[in-house]
Amino acid sequence: MDYAAPIATPADATEKARADSLLSPRFYTTDYKAMDRIDVSAVRAEWDAMIAEYEGDNNHDHFQRPPEFAAEVRELPPALRQEFLDFLISSVTSEFSGCVLYNEIRKNVDNPDIKRLMTYLTRDESRHAGFINQTLKDFGLGVDLNGLKKTKAYTYFKPKYIFYAVYLSEKIGYARYITIFRQLERHPELRFHPIFRWFERWCNDEFRHGESFALIMRANPHLLRGLNKLWIRFFLLAVYSTMYVRDHSRPIMHRAMGMEPTEYDHTVFRITSEISRQVFPLTLDTDCAEFRAGLDRLCDIADRAAAAKKRGGIIGAARRGYLAVAAGATFARLFFIPVKQNELPKQVRMAPAW
């Protein structure tokens, strides 16, 4: 059930992007001196080939809107419109978050390898955020990105947490976009907005960004060993569970594309797990009945917490506190479900043909 306030004005859109919750994309800062010390010499050949791809910029002409784009935008039923706007605002916040982080790293490091990579990542994420924001403006909205940068709360992450989280976010972004694109390629009559036609080539950027962080981790294999495996496990679960709960708050949008949120999310999990096992030493058993039941419980808790927030008052606050504990306990049970161990390959592989 959706208890979110309607998004009707640019101020509503910016406030939605500024919100700080467990489900909303965050802005990050990190240890720039530690970033400056990153050494990628162990993967020099692969690194230089990747940088050459960035320099080639095969998507330089992709994030431009032809005249027919705006002509294809049509009025949507109110419930679908709200869920689609929520999707766009979450997406632009996530893309702009990457842009801000990468640009700050670029400005604060001297390491030529990292500085160069961050320059290209900033370029790509800026294009993505601008393209989505223009789509919001078609609806008379649009997020104040400059204001967002100044007013949204920042979360400090150690560099290794950045590597795990960003790697997963980029790979899961690839899996999400390609799954939607293939579904609408099979059923073009369900494509209710033109932006979905851009998702295929968009995936190239998402996949390449993930490979950049995969190479950093491969060049520093201690990040994939010992107690760091627990952090990898944590970030896998955090990213998957957040996506699952968020997507189940937009059932109308997914069904408009001919997909059920549960089916869609588990398809994305399978794709992401297959890709991430190329660098991570473990994957989650997302097909396990206990895992699926735990995710559904998190959705139920999120619905009840939203209802308690709407109710307000002492009773509502007490209810939300109880539900926060229940969510934490559910997350902990999910964390201790046995994982699948991987034997890491020697080099990064290209994207599978999904």
Protein backbone atom coordinates (compact mmCIF):
# COMPACT_ATOMS: atom_id res chain seq x y z
CA MET A 1 0.00 0.00 0.00
CA ASP A 2 1.31 3.45 -0.91
CA TYR A 3 1.03 6.14 1.75
CA ALA A 4 3.36 8.61 0.03
CA ALA A 5 2.24 12.19 -0.47
CA PRO A 6 1.38 13.04 -4.09
CA ILE A 7 4.11 14.60 -6.23
CA ALA A 8 2.46 17.62 -7.83
CA THR A 9 5.04 20.43 -7.98
CA PRO A 10 8.81 20.88 -8.57
CA ALA A 11 9.12 21.57 -4.83
CA ASP A 12 7.48 18.19 -4.11
CA ALA A 13 9.95 16.48 -6.46
CA THR A 14 12.97 18.13 -4.85
CA GLU A 15 11.69 17.38 -1.34
CA LYS A 16 11.19 13.74 -2.33
CA ALA A 17 14.78 13.60 -3.62
CA ARG A 18 16.05 15.27 -0.44
CA ALA A 19 14.32 12.77 1.86
CA ASP A 20 16.63 10.70 4.03
CA SER A 21 15.23 7.22 4.69
CA LEU A 22 16.30 3.59 4.47
CA LEU A 23 14.78 3.34 0.98
CA SER A 24 15.90 6.65 -0.51
CA PRO A 25 19.20 6.99 -2.43
CA ARG A 26 21.90 8.68 -0.36
CA PHE A 27 24.76 11.10 -1.03
CA TYR A 28 28.21 9.94 0.04
CA THR A 29 31.60 11.25 1.05
CA THR A 30 34.73 9.19 1.64
CA ASP A 31 38.41 9.18 2.62
CA TYR A 32 40.08 10.93 -0.29
CA LYS A 33 43.62 10.27 0.94
CA ALA A 34 42.90 6.54 0.97
CA MET A 35 41.42 6.82 -2.52
CA ASP A 36 44.62 8.53 -3.62
CA ARG A 37 46.65 5.49 -2.53
CA ILE A 38 44.76 2.98 -4.70
CA ASP A 39 47.11 0.98 -6.92
CA VAL A 40 45.77 -0.71 -10.06
CA SER A 41 49.12 -1.86 -11.45
CA ALA A 42 48.16 -5.52 -10.92
CA VAL A 43 45.44 -5.14 -13.59
CA ARG A 44 47.21 -2.59 -15.78
CA ALA A 45 46.36 -4.15 -19.16
CA GLU A 46 42.64 -4.48 -18.33
CA TRP A 47 42.59 -1.02 -16.76
CA ASP A 48 44.12 0.68 -19.80
CA ALA A 49 41.68 -1.13 -22.11
CA MET A 50 38.77 0.05 -19.96
CA ILE A 51 40.01 3.65 -19.94
CA ALA A 52 40.29 3.48 -23.73
CA GLU A 53 36.62 2.51 -23.85
CA TYR A 54 35.73 5.53 -21.73
CA GLU A 55 37.76 7.75 -24.04
CA GLY A 56 35.97 6.29 -27.06
CA ASP A 57 32.70 7.42 -25.45
CA ASN A 58 30.40 5.25 -27.55
CA ASN A 59 27.35 6.76 -25.84
CA HIS A 60 28.28 10.39 -26.51
CA ASP A 61 25.26 10.83 -28.78
CA HIS A 62 22.81 8.66 -26.87
CA PHE A 63 21.50 10.93 -24.12
CA GLN A 64 19.95 13.44 -26.46
CA ARG A 65 16.25 13.82 -27.07
CA PRO A 66 14.99 13.86 -30.65
CA PRO A 67 11.93 16.01 -31.37
CA GLU A 68 9.64 12.99 -31.33
CA PHE A 69 10.55 12.16 -27.73
CA ALA A 70 8.31 14.84 -26.21
CA ALA A 71 5.60 14.01 -28.72
CA GLU A 72 5.47 10.44 -27.37
CA VAL A 73 4.93 11.56 -23.77
CA ARG A 74 1.29 11.06 -22.87
CA GLU A 75 -0.91 11.59 -19.87
CA LEU A 76 -0.88 8.62 -17.50
CA PRO A 77 -3.59 7.38 -15.13
CA PRO A 78 -3.11 9.12 -11.73
CA ALA A 79 -1.83 6.07 -9.80
CA LEU A 80 0.59 5.05 -12.58
CA ARG A 81 1.75 8.65 -12.93
CA GLN A 82 2.61 8.87 -9.22
CA GLU A 83 4.54 5.60 -9.18
CA PHE A 84 6.40 6.51 -12.37
CA LEU A 85 7.31 9.93 -10.95
CA ASP A 86 8.55 8.25 -7.78
CA PHE A 87 10.69 5.94 -9.95
CA LEU A 88 12.13 8.88 -11.90
CA ILE A 89 12.91 10.91 -8.77
CA SER A 90 14.62 7.95 -7.11
CA SER A 91 16.58 7.33 -10.32
CA VAL A 92 17.71 10.93 -10.80
CA THR A 93 18.75 11.12 -7.14
CA SER A 94 20.78 7.94 -7.48
CA GLU A 95 22.48 9.05 -10.71
CA PHE A 96 23.22 12.51 -9.33
CA SER A 97 24.56 10.98 -6.12
CA GLY A 98 27.15 9.14 -8.20
CA CYS A 99 27.96 12.31 -10.12
CA VAL A 100 28.58 14.28 -6.91
CA LEU A 101 30.69 11.54 -5.30
CA TYR A 102 32.85 10.92 -8.36
CA ASN A 103 33.40 14.62 -8.92
CA GLU A 104 34.49 15.15 -5.31
CA ILE A 105 36.93 12.24 -5.55
CA ARG A 106 38.25 13.65 -8.84
CA LYS A 107 38.89 17.04 -7.24
CA ASN A 108 40.55 15.63 -4.13
CA VAL A 109 42.98 13.05 -5.50
CA ASP A 110 46.25 13.29 -7.43
CA ASN A 111 46.45 9.60 -8.38
CA PRO A 112 46.28 9.83 -12.21
CA ASP A 113 44.47 6.50 -12.64
CA ILE A 114 41.73 7.32 -10.16
CA LYS A 115 41.44 10.94 -11.25
CA ARG A 116 40.99 9.90 -14.87
CA LEU A 117 38.40 7.26 -14.04
CA MET A 118 36.41 9.65 -11.85
CA THR A 119 36.39 12.25 -14.61
CA TYR A 120 34.71 9.81 -16.98
CA LEU A 121 32.28 8.51 -14.35
CA THR A 122 31.26 12.09 -13.50
CA ARG A 123 30.64 12.76 -17.19
CA ASP A 124 28.42 9.69 -17.59
CA GLU A 125 26.40 10.18 -14.40
CA SER A 126 25.85 13.84 -15.23
CA ARG A 127 24.34 12.81 -18.57
CA HIS A 128 22.11 10.22 -16.90
CA ALA A 129 20.85 12.61 -14.23
CA GLY A 130 20.21 15.38 -16.76
CA PHE A 131 18.32 13.06 -19.09
CA ILE A 132 16.03 11.81 -16.31
CA ASN A 133 15.50 15.31 -14.95
CA GLN A 134 14.41 16.52 -18.38
CA THR A 135 11.87 13.70 -18.41
CA LEU A 136 10.54 14.96 -15.07
CA LYS A 137 10.24 18.43 -16.58
CA ASP A 138 7.93 16.99 -19.25
CA PHE A 139 5.51 16.45 -16.36
CA GLY A 140 5.96 20.03 -15.15
CA LEU A 141 8.36 18.89 -12.44
CA GLY A 142 12.13 18.57 -12.18
CA VAL A 143 14.52 18.29 -9.26
CA ASP A 144 16.68 21.28 -8.27
CA LEU A 145 19.96 19.39 -8.52
CA ASN A 146 22.17 22.29 -7.41
CA GLY A 147 19.98 22.86 -4.37
CA LEU A 148 19.93 19.12 -3.69
CA LYS A 149 23.73 19.00 -3.64
CA LYS A 150 23.82 21.73 -0.99
CA THR A 151 21.00 20.52 1.25
CA LYS A 152 20.83 16.71 1.14
CA ALA A 153 22.52 14.86 4.01
CA TYR A 154 25.79 13.08 3.22
CA THR A 155 26.83 9.67 4.56
CA TYR A 156 30.51 8.84 5.15
CA PHE A 157 31.64 5.52 3.65
CA LYS A 158 35.12 4.05 3.78
CA PRO A 159 36.53 3.49 0.28
CA LYS A 160 35.95 -0.27 0.46
CA TYR A 161 32.28 0.30 1.29
CA ILE A 162 32.09 2.61 -1.73
CA PHE A 163 33.57 -0.13 -3.90
CA TYR A 164 31.11 -2.80 -2.72
CA ALA A 165 28.04 -0.56 -2.81
CA VAL A 166 28.77 1.20 -6.10
CA TYR A 167 29.81 -2.02 -7.85
CA LEU A 168 26.52 -3.61 -6.84
CA SER A 169 24.45 -0.53 -7.64
CA GLU A 170 25.90 -0.32 -11.15
CA LYS A 171 25.49 -4.05 -11.84
CA ILE A 172 21.97 -4.14 -10.46
CA GLY A 173 21.22 -1.03 -12.52
CA TYR A 174 22.36 -2.92 -15.60
CA ALA A 175 20.17 -5.90 -14.69
CA ARG A 176 17.13 -3.72 -13.99
CA TYR A 177 17.39 -1.70 -17.19
CA ILE A 178 18.07 -4.64 -19.49
CA THR A 179 15.20 -6.64 -17.98
CA ILE A 180 12.77 -3.77 -18.55
CA PHE A 181 14.10 -3.13 -22.06
CA ARG A 182 13.78 -6.80 -23.12
CA GLN A 183 10.27 -7.04 -21.70
CA LEU A 184 9.11 -3.95 -23.60
CA GLU A 185 10.98 -5.06 -26.72
CA ARG A 186 8.77 -8.16 -26.64
CA HIS A 187 5.66 -6.12 -25.78
CA PRO A 188 6.01 -2.63 -27.29
CA GLU A 189 2.31 -1.97 -26.65
CA LEU A 190 3.15 -1.83 -22.91
CA ARG A 191 5.83 0.88 -23.31
CA PHE A 192 3.96 3.75 -21.65
CA HIS A 193 6.87 6.22 -21.85
CA PRO A 194 9.65 6.76 -24.44
CA ILE A 195 12.50 6.79 -21.88
CA PHE A 196 12.42 2.98 -21.80
CA ARG A 197 13.71 2.88 -25.39
CA TRP A 198 16.97 4.40 -24.12
CA PHE A 199 17.62 1.62 -21.60
CA GLU A 200 19.51 -0.78 -23.89
CA ARG A 201 22.49 1.47 -24.62
CA TRP A 202 22.20 3.00 -21.16
CA CYS A 203 23.10 -0.47 -19.87
CA ASN A 204 26.53 -0.17 -21.48
CA ASP A 205 27.41 2.67 -19.10
CA GLU A 206 26.05 0.85 -16.05
CA PHE A 207 27.96 -2.32 -16.85
CA ARG A 208 31.23 -0.52 -17.59
CA HIS A 209 31.01 1.50 -14.38
CA GLY A 210 30.65 -1.71 -12.42
CA GLU A 211 33.65 -3.24 -14.19
CA SER A 212 35.76 -0.25 -13.15
CA PHE A 213 35.19 -1.03 -9.49
CA ALA A 214 35.61 -4.74 -10.14
CA LEU A 215 39.11 -4.02 -11.44
CA ILE A 216 39.95 -1.93 -8.37
CA MET A 217 38.90 -4.84 -6.14
CA ARG A 218 40.82 -7.36 -8.25
CA ALA A 219 43.91 -5.20 -8.02
CA ASN A 220 43.50 -5.18 -4.23
CA PRO A 221 42.41 -8.77 -3.47
CA HIS A 222 42.51 -8.26 0.31
CA LEU A 223 39.18 -6.45 -0.18
CA LEU A 224 37.64 -9.80 -1.14
CA ARG A 225 39.05 -11.91 1.69
CA GLY A 226 38.70 -12.57 5.40
CA LEU A 227 36.27 -10.43 7.36
CA ASN A 228 35.61 -8.35 4.25
CA LYS A 229 33.44 -11.24 3.06
CA LEU A 230 30.98 -10.29 5.80
CA TRP A 231 30.84 -6.74 4.46
CA ILE A 232 30.23 -8.06 0.94
CA ARG A 233 27.45 -10.24 2.31
CA PHE A 234 25.97 -7.23 4.14
CA PHE A 235 25.98 -4.99 1.07
CA LEU A 236 24.50 -7.71 -1.15
CA LEU A 237 21.63 -8.13 1.28
CA ALA A 238 21.18 -4.38 1.84
CA VAL A 239 21.01 -3.60 -1.88
CA TYR A 240 18.73 -6.54 -2.72
CA SER A 241 16.32 -5.99 0.17
CA THR A 242 16.11 -2.24 -0.42
CA MET A 243 15.32 -2.81 -4.09
CA TYR A 244 12.70 -5.43 -3.26
CA VAL A 245 10.83 -3.24 -0.78
CA ARG A 246 11.04 -0.18 -3.02
CA ASP A 247 9.80 -2.04 -6.11
CA HIS A 248 6.88 -3.51 -4.19
CA SER A 249 5.80 0.04 -3.39
CA ARG A 250 5.32 0.54 -7.17
CA PRO A 251 3.19 -2.47 -8.21
CA ILE A 252 1.07 -0.48 -10.67
CA MET A 253 4.10 0.67 -12.67
CA HIS A 254 5.50 -2.84 -12.97
CA ARG A 255 2.15 -4.35 -13.91
CA ALA A 256 1.70 -1.67 -16.57
CA MET A 257 4.84 -3.14 -18.15
CA GLY A 258 3.45 -6.66 -17.86
CA MET A 259 5.57 -7.71 -14.89
CA GLU A 260 4.86 -8.60 -11.29
CA PRO A 261 7.33 -6.93 -8.87
CA THR A 262 8.31 -10.25 -7.25
CA GLU A 263 9.03 -11.95 -10.57
CA TYR A 264 10.89 -8.89 -11.86
CA ASP A 265 13.05 -8.55 -8.76
CA HIS A 266 14.06 -12.20 -8.66
CA THR A 267 14.98 -12.02 -12.35
CA VAL A 268 17.20 -9.03 -11.52
CA PHE A 269 18.69 -10.91 -8.56
CA ARG A 270 19.61 -13.87 -10.77
CA ILE A 271 21.27 -11.65 -13.39
CA THR A 272 23.14 -9.62 -10.78
CA SER A 273 24.28 -12.73 -8.91
CA GLU A 274 25.61 -14.30 -12.12
CA ILE A 275 27.56 -11.12 -12.90
CA SER A 276 28.77 -10.36 -9.36
CA ARG A 277 30.17 -13.87 -8.87
CA GLN A 278 32.83 -12.84 -11.39
CA VAL A 279 34.40 -10.70 -8.64
CA PHE A 280 32.71 -11.40 -5.30
CA PRO A 281 33.67 -14.56 -3.37
CA LEU A 282 30.03 -15.31 -2.58
CA THR A 283 26.44 -14.78 -3.72
CA LEU A 284 23.18 -14.88 -1.83
CA ASP A 285 20.83 -17.83 -2.21
CA THR A 286 17.98 -15.68 -3.49
CA ASP A 287 15.89 -18.68 -4.58
CA CYS A 288 15.84 -20.09 -1.05
CA ALA A 289 12.27 -20.19 0.36
CA GLU A 290 13.45 -18.65 3.64
CA PHE A 291 15.11 -15.78 1.77
CA ARG A 292 11.98 -15.06 -0.26
CA ALA A 293 9.78 -15.19 2.85
CA GLY A 294 12.10 -12.76 4.64
CA LEU A 295 11.90 -10.23 1.82
CA ASP A 296 8.11 -10.47 1.84
CA ARG A 297 8.13 -9.86 5.59
CA LEU A 298 10.24 -6.73 5.06
CA CYS A 299 7.62 -5.48 2.58
CA ASP A 300 4.85 -6.12 5.09
CA ILE A 301 6.78 -4.29 7.81
CA ALA A 302 7.40 -1.35 5.46
CA ASP A 303 3.66 -1.11 4.69
CA ARG A 304 2.75 -1.16 8.37
CA ALA A 305 5.44 1.40 9.21
CA ALA A 306 4.09 3.73 6.50
CA ALA A 307 0.58 3.37 7.95
CA ALA A 308 1.91 4.11 11.45
CA LYS A 309 3.71 7.21 10.15
CA LYS A 310 0.50 8.42 8.56
CA ARG A 311 -1.38 7.86 11.81
CA GLY A 312 1.15 9.90 13.78
CA GLY A 313 0.98 10.66 17.47
CA ILE A 314 2.39 8.62 20.34
CA ILE A 315 0.73 5.41 19.18
CA GLY A 316 2.05 5.82 15.65
CA ALA A 317 5.57 6.57 16.91
CA ALA A 318 5.54 3.57 19.26
CA ARG A 319 4.31 1.36 16.46
CA ARG A 320 7.09 2.56 14.16
CA GLY A 321 9.69 1.85 16.84
CA TYR A 322 8.44 -1.70 17.26
CA LEU A 323 8.42 -2.22 13.48
CA ALA A 324 11.99 -0.88 13.17
CA VAL A 325 13.11 -3.57 15.62
CA ALA A 326 11.13 -6.19 13.66
CA ALA A 327 12.78 -5.08 10.42
CA GLY A 328 16.23 -5.30 12.01
CA ALA A 329 15.53 -8.79 13.29
CA THR A 330 14.26 -9.90 9.88
CA PHE A 331 17.36 -8.46 8.19
CA ALA A 332 19.58 -10.32 10.68
CA ARG A 333 17.83 -13.63 9.94
CA LEU A 334 18.31 -13.04 6.23
CA PHE A 335 21.99 -12.26 6.81
CA PHE A 336 22.61 -15.66 8.40
CA ILE A 337 20.98 -17.72 5.65
CA PRO A 338 23.83 -19.80 4.13
CA VAL A 339 25.38 -18.22 1.03
CA LYS A 340 26.86 -19.74 -2.12
CA GLN A 341 30.66 -19.65 -2.18
CA ASN A 342 32.47 -18.80 -5.43
CA GLU A 343 35.88 -19.53 -6.83
CA LEU A 344 37.00 -16.27 -8.35
CA PRO A 345 38.06 -16.25 -12.03
CA LYS A 346 41.31 -14.68 -13.15
CA GLN A 347 39.89 -11.86 -15.21
CA VAL A 348 36.79 -9.78 -15.70
CA ARG A 349 34.30 -11.23 -18.18
CA MET A 350 31.97 -9.29 -20.40
CA ALA A 351 28.25 -8.98 -19.82
CA PRO A 352 26.15 -12.06 -20.52
CA ALA A 353 23.69 -11.77 -23.39
CA TRP A 354 20.46 -11.47 -21.40
